[in-house]
């Protein structure tokens, strides 16, 4: 009984590197394209609220106190 075993495919073959699934690559490509497209649309549209300023203090030094002065004075001015 001369049974010969087929040669192992791992013997002498270079080890395979793990490859990410094609769906992951497609998703990342789609994500990058959507980012670039949204950035381009935003650059063309310009600022959303051009007159809007940061959260700095208001003129007169009141800051963001609103009606807090009225509460301290009892509402009388």
PDB file of N, CA and C in Angstrom:
ATOM      1  N   UNK A   1       0.829  -1.170   0.000  1.00  0.00           N
ATOM      2  CA  UNK A   1       0.000   0.000   0.000  1.00  0.00           C
ATOM      3  C   UNK A   1       0.870   1.227   0.000  1.00  0.00           C
ATOM      4  N   UNK A   2       0.934   1.728  -1.108  1.00  0.00           N
ATOM      5  CA  UNK A   2       1.740   2.924  -1.262  1.00  0.00           C
ATOM      6  C   UNK A   2       0.805   4.121  -1.347  1.00  0.00           C
ATOM      7  N   UNK A   3       0.564   4.756  -0.206  1.00  0.00           N
ATOM      8  CA  UNK A   3      -0.305   5.936  -0.187  1.00  0.00           C
ATOM      9  C   UNK A   3       0.579   7.172  -0.094  1.00  0.00           C
ATOM     10  N   UNK A   4       0.489   7.963  -1.076  1.00  0.00           N
ATOM     11  CA  UNK A   4       1.263   9.207  -1.030  1.00  0.00           C
ATOM     12  C   UNK A   4       0.318  10.365  -0.673  1.00  0.00           C
ATOM     13  N   UNK A   5       0.779  11.166   0.195  1.00  0.00           N
ATOM     14  CA  UNK A   5      -0.014  12.327   0.640  1.00  0.00           C
ATOM     15  C   UNK A   5       0.265  13.503  -0.288  1.00  0.00           C
ATOM     16  N   UNK A   6      -0.768  14.250  -0.614  1.00  0.00           N
ATOM     17  CA  UNK A   6      -0.515  15.447  -1.426  1.00  0.00           C
ATOM     18  C   UNK A   6       0.317  16.446  -0.626  1.00  0.00           C
ATOM     19  N   UNK A   7       1.184  17.157  -1.302  1.00  0.00           N
ATOM     20  CA  UNK A   7       2.013  18.128  -0.569  1.00  0.00           C
ATOM     21  C   UNK A   7       1.142  19.220   0.055  1.00  0.00           C
ATOM     22  N   UNK A   8       1.537  19.622   1.218  1.00  0.00           N
ATOM     23  CA  UNK A   8       0.810  20.668   1.938  1.00  0.00           C
ATOM     24  C   UNK A   8       0.992  22.004   1.222  1.00  0.00           C
ATOM     25  N   UNK A   9      -0.088  22.752   1.125  1.00  0.00           N
ATOM     26  CA  UNK A   9       0.007  24.046   0.439  1.00  0.00           C
ATOM     27  C   UNK A   9       0.784  25.064   1.270  1.00  0.00           C
ATOM     28  N   UNK A  10       0.865  24.833   2.584  1.00  0.00           N
ATOM     29  CA  UNK A  10       1.581  25.768   3.450  1.00  0.00           C
ATOM     30  C   UNK A  10       3.084  25.534   3.404  1.00  0.00           C
ATOM     31  N   UNK A  11       3.478  24.364   2.968  1.00  0.00           N
ATOM     32  CA  UNK A  11       4.910  24.061   2.934  1.00  0.00           C
ATOM     33  C   UNK A  11       5.544  24.788   1.760  1.00  0.00           C
ATOM     34  N   UNK A  12       6.445  25.690   2.051  1.00  0.00           N
ATOM     35  CA  UNK A  12       7.172  26.400   1.015  1.00  0.00           C
ATOM     36  C   UNK A  12       6.433  27.615   0.472  1.00  0.00           C
ATOM     37  N   UNK A  13       5.217  27.835   0.867  1.00  0.00           N
ATOM     38  CA  UNK A  13       4.471  28.999   0.390  1.00  0.00           C
ATOM     39  C   UNK A  13       4.673  30.164   1.351  1.00  0.00           C
ATOM     40  N   UNK A  14       4.653  31.341   0.816  1.00  0.00           N
ATOM     41  CA  UNK A  14       4.817  32.537   1.648  1.00  0.00           C
ATOM     42  C   UNK A  14       3.535  32.751   2.451  1.00  0.00           C
ATOM     43  N   UNK A  15       3.662  33.174   3.704  1.00  0.00           N
ATOM     44  CA  UNK A  15       2.453  33.411   4.513  1.00  0.00           C
ATOM     45  C   UNK A  15       1.648  34.576   3.938  1.00  0.00           C
ATOM     46  N   UNK A  16       0.324  34.432   3.941  1.00  0.00           N
ATOM     47  CA  UNK A  16      -0.561  35.471   3.409  1.00  0.00           C
ATOM     48  C   UNK A  16      -0.757  36.565   4.445  1.00  0.00           C
ATOM     49  N   UNK A  17      -0.776  37.793   3.972  1.00  0.00           N
ATOM     50  CA  UNK A  17      -1.063  38.916   4.862  1.00  0.00           C
ATOM     51  C   UNK A  17      -2.566  39.049   4.985  1.00  0.00           C
ATOM     52  N   UNK A  18      -3.053  39.447   6.150  1.00  0.00           N
ATOM     53  CA  UNK A  18      -4.502  39.670   6.276  1.00  0.00           C
ATOM     54  C   UNK A  18      -4.913  40.876   5.430  1.00  0.00           C
ATOM     55  N   UNK A  19      -5.973  40.719   4.673  1.00  0.00           N
ATOM     56  CA  UNK A  19      -6.469  41.775   3.796  1.00  0.00           C
ATOM     57  C   UNK A  19      -7.821  42.235   4.328  1.00  0.00           C
ATOM     58  N   UNK A  20      -8.041  43.568   4.425  1.00  0.00           N
ATOM     59  CA  UNK A  20      -9.348  44.038   4.906  1.00  0.00           C
ATOM     60  C   UNK A  20     -10.442  43.660   3.905  1.00  0.00           C
ATOM     61  N   UNK A  21     -11.634  43.441   4.393  1.00  0.00           N
ATOM     62  CA  UNK A  21     -12.731  43.071   3.492  1.00  0.00           C
ATOM     63  C   UNK A  21     -13.046  44.205   2.505  1.00  0.00           C
ATOM     64  N   UNK A  22     -13.455  43.867   1.300  1.00  0.00           N
ATOM     65  CA  UNK A  22     -13.758  44.902   0.300  1.00  0.00           C
ATOM     66  C   UNK A  22     -14.861  45.868   0.752  1.00  0.00           C
ATOM     67  N   UNK A  23     -15.815  45.375   1.545  1.00  0.00           N
ATOM     68  CA  UNK A  23     -16.886  46.261   2.015  1.00  0.00           C
ATOM     69  C   UNK A  23     -16.323  47.364   2.906  1.00  0.00           C
ATOM     70  N   UNK A  24     -15.326  47.050   3.718  1.00  0.00           N
ATOM     71  CA  UNK A  24     -14.712  48.059   4.580  1.00  0.00           C
ATOM     72  C   UNK A  24     -13.983  49.095   3.740  1.00  0.00           C
ATOM     73  N   UNK A  25     -13.255  48.643   2.740  1.00  0.00           N
ATOM     74  CA  UNK A  25     -12.544  49.576   1.861  1.00  0.00           C
ATOM     75  C   UNK A  25     -13.532  50.476   1.121  1.00  0.00           C
ATOM     76  N   UNK A  26     -14.631  49.904   0.652  1.00  0.00           N
ATOM     77  CA  UNK A  26     -15.648  50.697  -0.030  1.00  0.00           C
ATOM     78  C   UNK A  26     -16.290  51.711   0.884  1.00  0.00           C
ATOM     79  N   UNK A  27     -16.555  51.314   2.129  1.00  0.00           N
ATOM     80  CA  UNK A  27     -17.148  52.239   3.097  1.00  0.00           C
ATOM     81  C   UNK A  27     -16.200  53.390   3.391  1.00  0.00           C
ATOM     82  N   UNK A  28     -14.919  53.102   3.584  1.00  0.00           N
ATOM     83  CA  UNK A  28     -13.958  54.165   3.879  1.00  0.00           C
ATOM     84  C   UNK A  28     -13.799  55.104   2.688  1.00  0.00           C
ATOM     85  N   UNK A  29     -13.831  54.558   1.481  1.00  0.00           N
ATOM     86  CA  UNK A  29     -13.759  55.394   0.287  1.00  0.00           C
ATOM     87  C   UNK A  29     -14.994  56.289   0.193  1.00  0.00           C
ATOM     88  N   UNK A  30     -16.168  55.733   0.436  1.00  0.00           N
ATOM     89  CA  UNK A  30     -17.398  56.520   0.410  1.00  0.00           C
ATOM     90  C   UNK A  30     -17.371  57.605   1.484  1.00  0.00           C
ATOM     91  N   UNK A  31     -16.865  57.288   2.660  1.00  0.00           N
ATOM     92  CA  UNK A  31     -16.759  58.269   3.742  1.00  0.00           C
ATOM     93  C   UNK A  31     -15.846  59.423   3.339  1.00  0.00           C
ATOM     94  N   UNK A  32     -14.720  59.116   2.717  1.00  0.00           N
ATOM     95  CA  UNK A  32     -13.789  60.157   2.283  1.00  0.00           C
ATOM     96  C   UNK A  32     -14.409  61.027   1.190  1.00  0.00           C
ATOM     97  N   UNK A  33     -15.119  60.415   0.245  1.00  0.00           N
ATOM     98  CA  UNK A  33     -15.757  61.181  -0.834  1.00  0.00           C
ATOM     99  C   UNK A  33     -16.828  62.102  -0.262  1.00  0.00           C
ATOM    100  N   UNK A  34     -17.611  61.604   0.697  1.00  0.00           N
ATOM    101  CA  UNK A  34     -18.658  62.435   1.303  1.00  0.00           C
ATOM    102  C   UNK A  34     -18.053  63.605   2.082  1.00  0.00           C
ATOM    103  N   UNK A  35     -16.940  63.373   2.762  1.00  0.00           N
ATOM    104  CA  UNK A  35     -16.276  64.451   3.493  1.00  0.00           C
ATOM    105  C   UNK A  35     -15.793  65.528   2.543  1.00  0.00           C
ATOM    106  N   UNK A  36     -15.147  65.126   1.457  1.00  0.00           N
ATOM    107  CA  UNK A  36     -14.639  66.099   0.487  1.00  0.00           C
ATOM    108  C   UNK A  36     -15.795  66.867  -0.144  1.00  0.00           C
ATOM    109  N   UNK A  37     -16.879  66.178  -0.477  1.00  0.00           N
ATOM    110  CA  UNK A  37     -18.027  66.842  -1.095  1.00  0.00           C
ATOM    111  C   UNK A  37     -18.670  67.835  -0.130  1.00  0.00           C
ATOM    112  N   UNK A  38     -18.838  67.465   1.128  1.00  0.00           N
ATOM    113  CA  UNK A  38     -19.458  68.379   2.091  1.00  0.00           C
ATOM    114  C   UNK A  38     -18.555  69.580   2.374  1.00  0.00           C
ATOM    115  N   UNK A  39     -17.247  69.362   2.386  1.00  0.00           N
ATOM    116  CA  UNK A  39     -16.316  70.472   2.582  1.00  0.00           C
ATOM    117  C   UNK A  39     -16.399  71.446   1.404  1.00  0.00           C
ATOM    118  N   UNK A  40     -16.493  70.907   0.183  1.00  0.00           N
ATOM    119  CA  UNK A  40     -16.573  71.760  -1.005  1.00  0.00           C
ATOM    120  C   UNK A  40     -17.878  72.552  -1.012  1.00  0.00           C
ATOM    121  N   UNK A  41     -18.988  71.924  -0.646  1.00  0.00           N
ATOM    122  CA  UNK A  41     -20.272  72.628  -0.598  1.00  0.00           C
ATOM    123  C   UNK A  41     -20.227  73.723   0.468  1.00  0.00           C
ATOM    124  N   UNK A  42     -19.636  73.444   1.609  1.00  0.00           N
ATOM    125  CA  UNK A  42     -19.517  74.449   2.665  1.00  0.00           C
ATOM    126  C   UNK A  42     -18.636  75.615   2.259  1.00  0.00           C
ATOM    127  N   UNK A  43     -17.576  75.330   1.501  1.00  0.00           N
ATOM    128  CA  UNK A  43     -16.701  76.405   1.047  1.00  0.00           C
ATOM    129  C   UNK A  43     -17.411  77.297   0.033  1.00  0.00           C
ATOM    130  N   UNK A  44     -18.254  76.696  -0.812  1.00  0.00           N
ATOM    131  CA  UNK A  44     -18.990  77.479  -1.802  1.00  0.00           C
ATOM    132  C   UNK A  44     -20.095  78.286  -1.131  1.00  0.00           C
ATOM    133  N   UNK A  45     -20.780  77.703  -0.148  1.00  0.00           N
ATOM    134  CA  UNK A  45     -21.903  78.374   0.504  1.00  0.00           C
ATOM    135  C   UNK A  45     -21.442  79.531   1.376  1.00  0.00           C
ATOM    136  N   UNK A  46     -20.277  79.453   1.922  1.00  0.00           N
ATOM    137  CA  UNK A  46     -19.774  80.519   2.778  1.00  0.00           C
ATOM    138  C   UNK A  46     -20.291  80.379   4.195  1.00  0.00           C
ATOM    139  N   UNK A  47     -20.063  81.397   5.026  1.00  0.00           N
ATOM    140  CA  UNK A  47     -20.502  81.323   6.414  1.00  0.00           C
ATOM    141  C   UNK A  47     -22.027  81.274   6.517  1.00  0.00           C
ATOM    142  N   UNK A  48     -22.511  80.542   7.480  1.00  0.00           N
ATOM    143  CA  UNK A  48     -23.951  80.389   7.663  1.00  0.00           C
ATOM    144  C   UNK A  48     -24.551  81.658   8.239  1.00  0.00           C
ATOM    145  N   UNK A  49     -23.918  82.227   9.236  1.00  0.00           N
ATOM    146  CA  UNK A  49     -24.410  83.440   9.885  1.00  0.00           C
ATOM    147  C   UNK A  49     -23.270  84.454   9.934  1.00  0.00           C
ATOM    148  N   UNK A  50     -23.110  85.268   8.890  1.00  0.00           N
ATOM    149  CA  UNK A  50     -21.966  86.180   8.836  1.00  0.00           C
ATOM    150  C   UNK A  50     -21.933  87.203   9.961  1.00  0.00           C
ATOM    151  N   UNK A  51     -23.074  87.620  10.507  1.00  0.00           N
ATOM    152  CA  UNK A  51     -23.084  88.631  11.556  1.00  0.00           C
ATOM    153  C   UNK A  51     -22.906  88.051  12.945  1.00  0.00           C
ATOM    154  N   UNK A  52     -22.796  86.756  13.048  1.00  0.00           N
ATOM    155  CA  UNK A  52     -22.702  86.106  14.352  1.00  0.00           C
ATOM    156  C   UNK A  52     -21.280  86.234  14.896  1.00  0.00           C
ATOM    157  N   UNK A  53     -21.186  86.563  16.171  1.00  0.00           N
ATOM    158  CA  UNK A  53     -19.877  86.719  16.801  1.00  0.00           C
ATOM    159  C   UNK A  53     -19.702  85.655  17.869  1.00  0.00           C
ATOM    160  N   UNK A  54     -18.517  85.580  18.399  1.00  0.00           N
ATOM    161  CA  UNK A  54     -18.219  84.599  19.435  1.00  0.00           C
ATOM    162  C   UNK A  54     -18.925  84.912  20.737  1.00  0.00           C
ATOM    163  N   UNK A  55     -18.516  84.241  21.789  1.00  0.00           N
ATOM    164  CA  UNK A  55     -19.156  84.396  23.092  1.00  0.00           C
ATOM    165  C   UNK A  55     -18.441  85.421  23.957  1.00  0.00           C
ATOM    166  N   UNK A  56     -17.848  86.412  23.332  1.00  0.00           N
ATOM    167  CA  UNK A  56     -17.167  87.463  24.084  1.00  0.00           C
ATOM    168  C   UNK A  56     -18.145  88.306  24.880  1.00  0.00           C
ATOM    169  N   UNK A  57     -17.632  89.284  25.605  1.00  0.00           N
ATOM    170  CA  UNK A  57     -18.517  90.128  26.422  1.00  0.00           C
ATOM    171  C   UNK A  57     -19.229  91.129  25.540  1.00  0.00           C
ATOM    172  N   UNK A  58     -20.411  91.488  25.946  1.00  0.00           N
ATOM    173  CA  UNK A  58     -21.217  92.472  25.211  1.00  0.00           C
ATOM    174  C   UNK A  58     -20.697  93.868  25.518  1.00  0.00           C
ATOM    175  N   UNK A  59     -21.012  94.848  24.670  1.00  0.00           N
ATOM    176  CA  UNK A  59     -20.593  96.222  24.960  1.00  0.00           C
ATOM    177  C   UNK A  59     -21.175  96.695  26.294  1.00  0.00           C
ATOM    178  N   UNK A  60     -20.385  97.390  27.044  1.00  0.00           N
ATOM    179  CA  UNK A  60     -20.829  97.876  28.346  1.00  0.00           C
ATOM    180  C   UNK A  60     -20.394  96.955  29.473  1.00  0.00           C
ATOM    181  N   UNK A  61     -19.779  95.858  29.160  1.00  0.00           N
ATOM    182  CA  UNK A  61     -19.266  94.955  30.177  1.00  0.00           C
ATOM    183  C   UNK A  61     -20.314  94.105  30.854  1.00  0.00           C
ATOM    184  N   UNK A  62     -21.540  94.065  30.326  1.00  0.00           N
ATOM    185  CA  UNK A  62     -22.592  93.283  30.965  1.00  0.00           C
ATOM    186  C   UNK A  62     -22.405  91.792  30.733  1.00  0.00           C
ATOM    187  N   UNK A  63     -21.654  91.442  29.720  1.00  0.00           N
ATOM    188  CA  UNK A  63     -21.453  90.029  29.436  1.00  0.00           C
ATOM    189  C   UNK A  63     -22.733  89.381  28.967  1.00  0.00           C
ATOM    190  N   UNK A  64     -23.011  88.207  29.459  1.00  0.00           N
ATOM    191  CA  UNK A  64     -24.223  87.490  29.076  1.00  0.00           C
ATOM    192  C   UNK A  64     -25.201  87.478  30.241  1.00  0.00           C
ATOM    193  N   UNK A  65     -25.311  88.571  30.943  1.00  0.00           N
ATOM    194  CA  UNK A  65     -26.147  88.623  32.132  1.00  0.00           C
ATOM    195  C   UNK A  65     -27.623  88.755  31.796  1.00  0.00           C
ATOM    196  N   UNK A  66     -27.960  89.312  30.640  1.00  0.00           N
ATOM    197  CA  UNK A  66     -29.358  89.443  30.251  1.00  0.00           C
ATOM    198  C   UNK A  66     -30.132  90.286  31.243  1.00  0.00           C
ATOM    199  N   UNK A  67     -31.176  89.754  31.839  1.00  0.00           N
ATOM    200  CA  UNK A  67     -32.024  90.479  32.785  1.00  0.00           C
ATOM    201  C   UNK A  67     -31.613  90.246  34.232  1.00  0.00           C
ATOM    202  N   UNK A  68     -30.442  89.784  34.482  1.00  0.00           N
ATOM    203  CA  UNK A  68     -30.008  89.525  35.850  1.00  0.00           C
ATOM    204  C   UNK A  68     -29.930  90.821  36.652  1.00  0.00           C
ATOM    205  N   UNK A  69     -29.646  91.939  36.007  1.00  0.00           N
ATOM    206  CA  UNK A  69     -29.599  93.219  36.718  1.00  0.00           C
ATOM    207  C   UNK A  69     -30.981  93.557  37.271  1.00  0.00           C
ATOM    208  N   UNK A  70     -32.029  93.269  36.508  1.00  0.00           N
ATOM    209  CA  UNK A  70     -33.386  93.543  36.976  1.00  0.00           C
ATOM    210  C   UNK A  70     -33.727  92.678  38.180  1.00  0.00           C
ATOM    211  N   UNK A  71     -33.239  91.488  38.227  1.00  0.00           N
ATOM    212  CA  UNK A  71     -33.556  90.599  39.374  1.00  0.00           C
ATOM    213  C   UNK A  71     -32.895  91.129  40.635  1.00  0.00           C
ATOM    214  N   UNK A  72     -31.682  91.653  40.531  1.00  0.00           N
ATOM    215  CA  UNK A  72     -30.991  92.175  41.693  1.00  0.00           C
ATOM    216  C   UNK A  72     -31.664  93.429  42.213  1.00  0.00           C
ATOM    217  N   UNK A  73     -32.139  94.271  41.299  1.00  0.00           N
ATOM    218  CA  UNK A  73     -32.781  95.528  41.684  1.00  0.00           C
ATOM    219  C   UNK A  73     -34.245  95.347  42.060  1.00  0.00           C
ATOM    220  N   UNK A  74     -34.735  94.170  41.999  1.00  0.00           N
ATOM    221  CA  UNK A  74     -36.134  93.933  42.286  1.00  0.00           C
ATOM    222  C   UNK A  74     -37.043  94.267  41.108  1.00  0.00           C
ATOM    223  N   UNK A  75     -36.485  94.404  39.944  1.00  0.00           N
ATOM    224  CA  UNK A  75     -37.256  94.690  38.755  1.00  0.00           C
ATOM    225  C   UNK A  75     -37.510  96.158  38.527  1.00  0.00           C
ATOM    226  N   UNK A  76     -37.087  97.040  39.434  1.00  0.00           N
ATOM    227  CA  UNK A  76     -37.328  98.483  39.277  1.00  0.00           C
ATOM    228  C   UNK A  76     -36.100  99.106  38.649  1.00  0.00           C
ATOM    229  N   UNK A  77     -36.338  99.928  37.661  1.00  0.00           N
ATOM    230  CA  UNK A  77     -35.244 100.666  37.027  1.00  0.00           C
ATOM    231  C   UNK A  77     -35.575 102.104  36.972  1.00  0.00           C
TER     232      UNK A  77
END
